Amino acid sequence: VPGSPGGMGGFGANHPLRQSLVFLDMPAMHQPEAYIGGLATLCDGDGRIARDDTRDFLKRFMSSFAEWVARNTPE
């Protein structure tokens, strides 16, 4: 999940990262994608996620990631 203080930095960081993973023949989760901008406004002074909608989105994303890891872990 690329993230940035601006609106588009995370999006721009994604492509070269994926190119490296493909070159190294490493698996990568293709969907869902998450580009998180404005990181400074998403957390409170204690580093906790400040908005309920952001917290819910990240929970759903991490649940999808955990399922992907389980499907792609060799037995």
PDB file of N, CA and C in Angstrom:
ATOM      1  N   VAL A   1       0.849  -1.175   0.000  1.00  0.00           N
ATOM      2  CA  VAL A   1       0.000   0.000   0.000  1.00  0.00           C
ATOM      3  C   VAL A   1       0.887   1.229   0.000  1.00  0.00           C
ATOM      4  N   PRO A   2       1.186   1.793  -1.135  1.00  0.00           N
ATOM      5  CA  PRO A   2       1.967   3.020  -1.151  1.00  0.00           C
ATOM      6  C   PRO A   2       1.183   4.168  -0.523  1.00  0.00           C
ATOM      7  N   GLY A   3       1.858   4.984   0.240  1.00  0.00           N
ATOM      8  CA  GLY A   3       1.237   6.146   0.858  1.00  0.00           C
ATOM      9  C   GLY A   3       2.122   7.367   0.698  1.00  0.00           C
ATOM     10  N   SER A   4       1.526   8.537   0.800  1.00  0.00           N
ATOM     11  CA  SER A   4       2.289   9.768   0.641  1.00  0.00           C
ATOM     12  C   SER A   4       1.594  10.911   1.356  1.00  0.00           C
ATOM     13  N   PRO A   5       2.334  11.992   1.626  1.00  0.00           N
ATOM     14  CA  PRO A   5       1.689  13.161   2.207  1.00  0.00           C
ATOM     15  C   PRO A   5       0.798  13.883   1.197  1.00  0.00           C
ATOM     16  N   GLY A   6       1.102  13.769  -0.086  1.00  0.00           N
ATOM     17  CA  GLY A   6       0.291  14.398  -1.125  1.00  0.00           C
ATOM     18  C   GLY A   6      -0.796  13.460  -1.623  1.00  0.00           C
ATOM     19  N   GLY A   7      -1.513  13.897  -2.639  1.00  0.00           N
ATOM     20  CA  GLY A   7      -2.628  13.116  -3.145  1.00  0.00           C
ATOM     21  C   GLY A   7      -2.259  12.005  -4.106  1.00  0.00           C
ATOM     22  N   MET A   8      -1.121  12.123  -4.815  1.00  0.00           N
ATOM     23  CA  MET A   8      -0.821  11.163  -5.877  1.00  0.00           C
ATOM     24  C   MET A   8       0.503  10.413  -5.706  1.00  0.00           C
ATOM     25  N   GLY A   9       1.276  10.717  -4.689  1.00  0.00           N
ATOM     26  CA  GLY A   9       2.591  10.085  -4.529  1.00  0.00           C
ATOM     27  C   GLY A   9       2.522   8.580  -4.397  1.00  0.00           C
ATOM     28  N   GLY A  10       1.542   8.083  -3.647  1.00  0.00           N
ATOM     29  CA  GLY A  10       1.388   6.641  -3.487  1.00  0.00           C
ATOM     30  C   GLY A  10       1.097   5.956  -4.809  1.00  0.00           C
ATOM     31  N   PHE A  11       0.305   6.590  -5.637  1.00  0.00           N
ATOM     32  CA  PHE A  11       0.002   6.045  -6.959  1.00  0.00           C
ATOM     33  C   PHE A  11       1.262   5.949  -7.800  1.00  0.00           C
ATOM     34  N   GLY A  12       2.078   7.011  -7.775  1.00  0.00           N
ATOM     35  CA  GLY A  12       3.301   7.031  -8.565  1.00  0.00           C
ATOM     36  C   GLY A  12       4.331   6.020  -8.094  1.00  0.00           C
ATOM     37  N   ALA A  13       4.337   5.703  -6.804  1.00  0.00           N
ATOM     38  CA  ALA A  13       5.308   4.753  -6.246  1.00  0.00           C
ATOM     39  C   ALA A  13       4.955   3.310  -6.587  1.00  0.00           C
ATOM     40  N   ASN A  14       3.714   3.050  -6.909  1.00  0.00           N
ATOM     41  CA  ASN A  14       3.245   1.687  -7.126  1.00  0.00           C
ATOM     42  C   ASN A  14       3.880   1.015  -8.340  1.00  0.00           C
ATOM     43  N   HIS A  15       3.970   1.712  -9.446  1.00  0.00           N
ATOM     44  CA  HIS A  15       4.425   1.088 -10.689  1.00  0.00           C
ATOM     45  C   HIS A  15       5.857   0.562 -10.605  1.00  0.00           C
ATOM     46  N   PRO A  16       6.841   1.347 -10.162  1.00  0.00           N
ATOM     47  CA  PRO A  16       8.195   0.790 -10.080  1.00  0.00           C
ATOM     48  C   PRO A  16       8.309  -0.342  -9.063  1.00  0.00           C
ATOM     49  N   LEU A  17       7.519  -0.285  -8.003  1.00  0.00           N
ATOM     50  CA  LEU A  17       7.534  -1.378  -7.028  1.00  0.00           C
ATOM     51  C   LEU A  17       7.039  -2.671  -7.678  1.00  0.00           C
ATOM     52  N   ARG A  18       5.943  -2.589  -8.402  1.00  0.00           N
ATOM     53  CA  ARG A  18       5.415  -3.785  -9.083  1.00  0.00           C
ATOM     54  C   ARG A  18       6.399  -4.305 -10.131  1.00  0.00           C
ATOM     55  N   GLN A  19       7.078  -3.410 -10.847  1.00  0.00           N
ATOM     56  CA  GLN A  19       8.073  -3.847 -11.825  1.00  0.00           C
ATOM     57  C   GLN A  19       9.167  -4.666 -11.143  1.00  0.00           C
ATOM     58  N   SER A  20       9.624  -4.216  -9.995  1.00  0.00           N
ATOM     59  CA  SER A  20      10.659  -4.952  -9.265  1.00  0.00           C
ATOM     60  C   SER A  20      10.162  -6.317  -8.823  1.00  0.00           C
ATOM     61  N   LEU A  21       8.937  -6.388  -8.338  1.00  0.00           N
ATOM     62  CA  LEU A  21       8.383  -7.662  -7.888  1.00  0.00           C
ATOM     63  C   LEU A  21       8.231  -8.648  -9.045  1.00  0.00           C
ATOM     64  N   VAL A  22       7.800  -8.160 -10.206  1.00  0.00           N
ATOM     65  CA  VAL A  22       7.673  -9.021 -11.382  1.00  0.00           C
ATOM     66  C   VAL A  22       9.043  -9.539 -11.801  1.00  0.00           C
ATOM     67  N   PHE A  23      10.042  -8.661 -11.822  1.00  0.00           N
ATOM     68  CA  PHE A  23      11.391  -9.068 -12.200  1.00  0.00           C
ATOM     69  C   PHE A  23      11.915 -10.152 -11.263  1.00  0.00           C
ATOM     70  N   LEU A  24      11.609 -10.045  -9.984  1.00  0.00           N
ATOM     71  CA  LEU A  24      12.077 -11.022  -8.995  1.00  0.00           C
ATOM     72  C   LEU A  24      11.164 -12.242  -8.894  1.00  0.00           C
ATOM     73  N   ASP A  25      10.125 -12.290  -9.727  1.00  0.00           N
ATOM     74  CA  ASP A  25       9.145 -13.382  -9.738  1.00  0.00           C
ATOM     75  C   ASP A  25       8.503 -13.580  -8.365  1.00  0.00           C
ATOM     76  N   MET A  26       8.153 -12.466  -7.739  1.00  0.00           N
ATOM     77  CA  MET A  26       7.515 -12.490  -6.425  1.00  0.00           C
ATOM     78  C   MET A  26       6.021 -12.257  -6.593  1.00  0.00           C
ATOM     79  N   PRO A  27       5.201 -12.973  -5.845  1.00  0.00           N
ATOM     80  CA  PRO A  27       3.754 -12.743  -5.938  1.00  0.00           C
ATOM     81  C   PRO A  27       3.380 -11.387  -5.346  1.00  0.00           C
ATOM     82  N   ALA A  28       2.360 -10.789  -5.917  1.00  0.00           N
ATOM     83  CA  ALA A  28       1.836  -9.518  -5.409  1.00  0.00           C
ATOM     84  C   ALA A  28       0.317  -9.555  -5.496  1.00  0.00           C
ATOM     85  N   MET A  29      -0.340  -9.007  -4.505  1.00  0.00           N
ATOM     86  CA  MET A  29      -1.799  -8.944  -4.515  1.00  0.00           C
ATOM     87  C   MET A  29      -2.215  -7.836  -5.480  1.00  0.00           C
ATOM     88  N   HIS A  30      -3.014  -8.189  -6.479  1.00  0.00           N
ATOM     89  CA  HIS A  30      -3.416  -7.226  -7.506  1.00  0.00           C
ATOM     90  C   HIS A  30      -4.682  -6.470  -7.146  1.00  0.00           C
ATOM     91  N   GLN A  31      -5.575  -7.078  -6.423  1.00  0.00           N
ATOM     92  CA  GLN A  31      -6.837  -6.441  -6.038  1.00  0.00           C
ATOM     93  C   GLN A  31      -7.188  -6.852  -4.622  1.00  0.00           C
ATOM     94  N   PRO A  32      -7.694  -5.992  -3.801  1.00  0.00           N
ATOM     95  CA  PRO A  32      -7.926  -4.572  -4.060  1.00  0.00           C
ATOM     96  C   PRO A  32      -6.623  -3.785  -3.969  1.00  0.00           C
ATOM     97  N   GLU A  33      -6.614  -2.651  -4.618  1.00  0.00           N
ATOM     98  CA  GLU A  33      -5.488  -1.742  -4.527  1.00  0.00           C
ATOM     99  C   GLU A  33      -5.852  -0.627  -3.548  1.00  0.00           C
ATOM    100  N   ALA A  34      -4.830  -0.050  -2.935  1.00  0.00           N
ATOM    101  CA  ALA A  34      -5.069   1.076  -2.028  1.00  0.00           C
ATOM    102  C   ALA A  34      -3.959   2.095  -2.238  1.00  0.00           C
ATOM    103  N   TYR A  35      -4.335   3.304  -2.541  1.00  0.00           N
ATOM    104  CA  TYR A  35      -3.404   4.419  -2.640  1.00  0.00           C
ATOM    105  C   TYR A  35      -3.840   5.421  -1.584  1.00  0.00           C
ATOM    106  N   ILE A  36      -2.991   5.655  -0.611  1.00  0.00           N
ATOM    107  CA  ILE A  36      -3.391   6.473   0.531  1.00  0.00           C
ATOM    108  C   ILE A  36      -2.606   7.770   0.512  1.00  0.00           C
ATOM    109  N   GLY A  37      -3.295   8.858   0.243  1.00  0.00           N
ATOM    110  CA  GLY A  37      -2.685  10.176   0.236  1.00  0.00           C
ATOM    111  C   GLY A  37      -3.129  10.971   1.453  1.00  0.00           C
ATOM    112  N   GLY A  38      -2.480  12.075   1.682  1.00  0.00           N
ATOM    113  CA  GLY A  38      -2.837  12.934   2.811  1.00  0.00           C
ATOM    114  C   GLY A  38      -2.615  12.263   4.151  1.00  0.00           C
ATOM    115  N   LEU A  39      -1.516  11.519   4.274  1.00  0.00           N
ATOM    116  CA  LEU A  39      -1.273  10.735   5.486  1.00  0.00           C
ATOM    117  C   LEU A  39      -1.274  11.575   6.755  1.00  0.00           C
ATOM    118  N   ALA A  40      -0.819  12.812   6.667  1.00  0.00           N
ATOM    119  CA  ALA A  40      -0.738  13.660   7.856  1.00  0.00           C
ATOM    120  C   ALA A  40      -2.105  13.945   8.461  1.00  0.00           C
ATOM    121  N   THR A  41      -3.156  13.883   7.658  1.00  0.00           N
ATOM    122  CA  THR A  41      -4.494  14.188   8.168  1.00  0.00           C
ATOM    123  C   THR A  41      -5.249  12.949   8.617  1.00  0.00           C
ATOM    124  N   LEU A  42      -4.699  11.768   8.385  1.00  0.00           N
ATOM    125  CA  LEU A  42      -5.424  10.542   8.723  1.00  0.00           C
ATOM    126  C   LEU A  42      -5.211  10.078  10.158  1.00  0.00           C
ATOM    127  N   CYS A  43      -4.168  10.588  10.823  1.00  0.00           N
ATOM    128  CA  CYS A  43      -3.860  10.146  12.179  1.00  0.00           C
ATOM    129  C   CYS A  43      -3.948  11.322  13.147  1.00  0.00           C
ATOM    130  N   ASP A  44      -4.265  10.994  14.407  1.00  0.00           N
ATOM    131  CA  ASP A  44      -4.293  12.034  15.434  1.00  0.00           C
ATOM    132  C   ASP A  44      -2.891  12.229  16.022  1.00  0.00           C
ATOM    133  N   GLY A  45      -2.763  13.044  17.029  1.00  0.00           N
ATOM    134  CA  GLY A  45      -1.474  13.339  17.628  1.00  0.00           C
ATOM    135  C   GLY A  45      -0.798  12.142  18.272  1.00  0.00           C
ATOM    136  N   ASP A  46      -1.573  11.100  18.589  1.00  0.00           N
ATOM    137  CA  ASP A  46      -1.022   9.886  19.196  1.00  0.00           C
ATOM    138  C   ASP A  46      -0.709   8.810  18.164  1.00  0.00           C
ATOM    139  N   GLY A  47      -0.895   9.126  16.866  1.00  0.00           N
ATOM    140  CA  GLY A  47      -0.610   8.157  15.811  1.00  0.00           C
ATOM    141  C   GLY A  47      -1.747   7.191  15.541  1.00  0.00           C
ATOM    142  N   ARG A  48      -2.906   7.434  16.127  1.00  0.00           N
ATOM    143  CA  ARG A  48      -4.070   6.574  15.884  1.00  0.00           C
ATOM    144  C   ARG A  48      -4.861   7.097  14.689  1.00  0.00           C
ATOM    145  N   ILE A  49      -5.504   6.186  13.980  1.00  0.00           N
ATOM    146  CA  ILE A  49      -6.318   6.587  12.828  1.00  0.00           C
ATOM    147  C   ILE A  49      -7.480   7.442  13.332  1.00  0.00           C
ATOM    148  N   ALA A  50      -7.616   8.622  12.759  1.00  0.00           N
ATOM    149  CA  ALA A  50      -8.545   9.622  13.269  1.00  0.00           C
ATOM    150  C   ALA A  50      -9.964   9.490  12.724  1.00  0.00           C
ATOM    151  N   ARG A  51     -10.134   8.871  11.579  1.00  0.00           N
ATOM    152  CA  ARG A  51     -11.463   8.830  10.948  1.00  0.00           C
ATOM    153  C   ARG A  51     -11.985   7.405  10.898  1.00  0.00           C
ATOM    154  N   ASP A  52     -13.262   7.255  11.243  1.00  0.00           N
ATOM    155  CA  ASP A  52     -13.880   5.923  11.230  1.00  0.00           C
ATOM    156  C   ASP A  52     -13.911   5.321   9.832  1.00  0.00           C
ATOM    157  N   ASP A  53     -14.185   6.139   8.805  1.00  0.00           N
ATOM    158  CA  ASP A  53     -14.254   5.589   7.456  1.00  0.00           C
ATOM    159  C   ASP A  53     -12.882   5.088   6.997  1.00  0.00           C
ATOM    160  N   THR A  54     -11.822   5.783   7.383  1.00  0.00           N
ATOM    161  CA  THR A  54     -10.469   5.328   7.044  1.00  0.00           C
ATOM    162  C   THR A  54     -10.147   4.039   7.780  1.00  0.00           C
ATOM    163  N   ARG A  55     -10.497   3.971   9.060  1.00  0.00           N
ATOM    164  CA  ARG A  55     -10.270   2.763   9.857  1.00  0.00           C
ATOM    165  C   ARG A  55     -11.013   1.567   9.237  1.00  0.00           C
ATOM    166  N   ASP A  56     -12.262   1.775   8.852  1.00  0.00           N
ATOM    167  CA  ASP A  56     -13.051   0.693   8.241  1.00  0.00           C
ATOM    168  C   ASP A  56     -12.442   0.243   6.922  1.00  0.00           C
ATOM    169  N   PHE A  57     -12.009   1.196   6.099  1.00  0.00           N
ATOM    170  CA  PHE A  57     -11.386   0.865   4.827  1.00  0.00           C
ATOM    171  C   PHE A  57     -10.128   0.029   5.045  1.00  0.00           C
ATOM    172  N   LEU A  58      -9.275   0.455   5.977  1.00  0.00           N
ATOM    173  CA  LEU A  58      -8.032  -0.278   6.234  1.00  0.00           C
ATOM    174  C   LEU A  58      -8.298  -1.668   6.806  1.00  0.00           C
ATOM    175  N   LYS A  59      -9.329  -1.811   7.622  1.00  0.00           N
ATOM    176  CA  LYS A  59      -9.689  -3.141   8.139  1.00  0.00           C
ATOM    177  C   LYS A  59     -10.097  -4.063   6.995  1.00  0.00           C
ATOM    178  N   ARG A  60     -10.913  -3.559   6.071  1.00  0.00           N
ATOM    179  CA  ARG A  60     -11.329  -4.378   4.922  1.00  0.00           C
ATOM    180  C   ARG A  60     -10.137  -4.728   4.047  1.00  0.00           C
ATOM    181  N   PHE A  61      -9.249  -3.751   3.824  1.00  0.00           N
ATOM    182  CA  PHE A  61      -8.071  -4.006   3.003  1.00  0.00           C
ATOM    183  C   PHE A  61      -7.181  -5.063   3.651  1.00  0.00           C
ATOM    184  N   MET A  62      -6.930  -4.931   4.931  1.00  0.00           N
ATOM    185  CA  MET A  62      -6.056  -5.886   5.625  1.00  0.00           C
ATOM    186  C   MET A  62      -6.688  -7.268   5.700  1.00  0.00           C
ATOM    187  N   SER A  63      -8.003  -7.337   5.779  1.00  0.00           N
ATOM    188  CA  SER A  63      -8.683  -8.628   5.743  1.00  0.00           C
ATOM    189  C   SER A  63      -8.476  -9.293   4.384  1.00  0.00           C
ATOM    190  N   SER A  64      -8.585  -8.512   3.310  1.00  0.00           N
ATOM    191  CA  SER A  64      -8.326  -9.038   1.970  1.00  0.00           C
ATOM    192  C   SER A  64      -6.881  -9.500   1.839  1.00  0.00           C
ATOM    193  N   PHE A  65      -5.953  -8.734   2.410  1.00  0.00           N
ATOM    194  CA  PHE A  65      -4.543  -9.099   2.352  1.00  0.00           C
ATOM    195  C   PHE A  65      -4.288 -10.398   3.122  1.00  0.00           C
ATOM    196  N   ALA A  66      -4.888 -10.537   4.301  1.00  0.00           N
ATOM    197  CA  ALA A  66      -4.716 -11.769   5.087  1.00  0.00           C
ATOM    198  C   ALA A  66      -5.243 -12.978   4.319  1.00  0.00           C
ATOM    199  N   GLU A  67      -6.376 -12.826   3.638  1.00  0.00           N
ATOM    200  CA  GLU A  67      -6.919 -13.919   2.823  1.00  0.00           C
ATOM    201  C   GLU A  67      -5.975 -14.253   1.674  1.00  0.00           C
ATOM    202  N   TRP A  68      -5.403 -13.231   1.043  1.00  0.00           N
ATOM    203  CA  TRP A  68      -4.468 -13.442  -0.058  1.00  0.00           C
ATOM    204  C   TRP A  68      -3.224 -14.180   0.428  1.00  0.00           C
ATOM    205  N   VAL A  69      -2.696 -13.787   1.578  1.00  0.00           N
ATOM    206  CA  VAL A  69      -1.525 -14.458   2.145  1.00  0.00           C
ATOM    207  C   VAL A  69      -1.847 -15.925   2.416  1.00  0.00           C
ATOM    208  N   ALA A  70      -3.000 -16.186   2.996  1.00  0.00           N
ATOM    209  CA  ALA A  70      -3.383 -17.576   3.293  1.00  0.00           C
ATOM    210  C   ALA A  70      -3.480 -18.400   2.019  1.00  0.00           C
ATOM    211  N   ARG A  71      -4.024 -17.833   0.951  1.00  0.00           N
ATOM    212  CA  ARG A  71      -4.146 -18.562  -0.321  1.00  0.00           C
ATOM    213  C   ARG A  71      -2.796 -18.800  -0.979  1.00  0.00           C
ATOM    214  N   ASN A  72      -1.828 -17.941  -0.717  1.00  0.00           N
ATOM    215  CA  ASN A  72      -0.537 -18.010  -1.408  1.00  0.00           C
ATOM    216  C   ASN A  72       0.600 -18.517  -0.531  1.00  0.00           C
ATOM    217  N   THR A  73       0.285 -19.047   0.612  1.00  0.00           N
ATOM    218  CA  THR A  73       1.313 -19.614   1.495  1.00  0.00           C
ATOM    219  C   THR A  73       1.446 -21.098   1.196  1.00  0.00           C
ATOM    220  N   PRO A  74       2.650 -21.530   0.837  1.00  0.00           N
ATOM    221  CA  PRO A  74       2.835 -22.968   0.581  1.00  0.00           C
ATOM    222  C   PRO A  74       2.588 -23.776   1.844  1.00  0.00           C
ATOM    223  N   GLU A  75       2.038 -24.951   1.643  1.00  0.00           N
ATOM    224  CA  GLU A  75       1.751 -25.828   2.801  1.00  0.00           C
ATOM    225  C   GLU A  75       2.943 -26.636   3.177  1.00  0.00           C
TER     226      GLU A  75
END
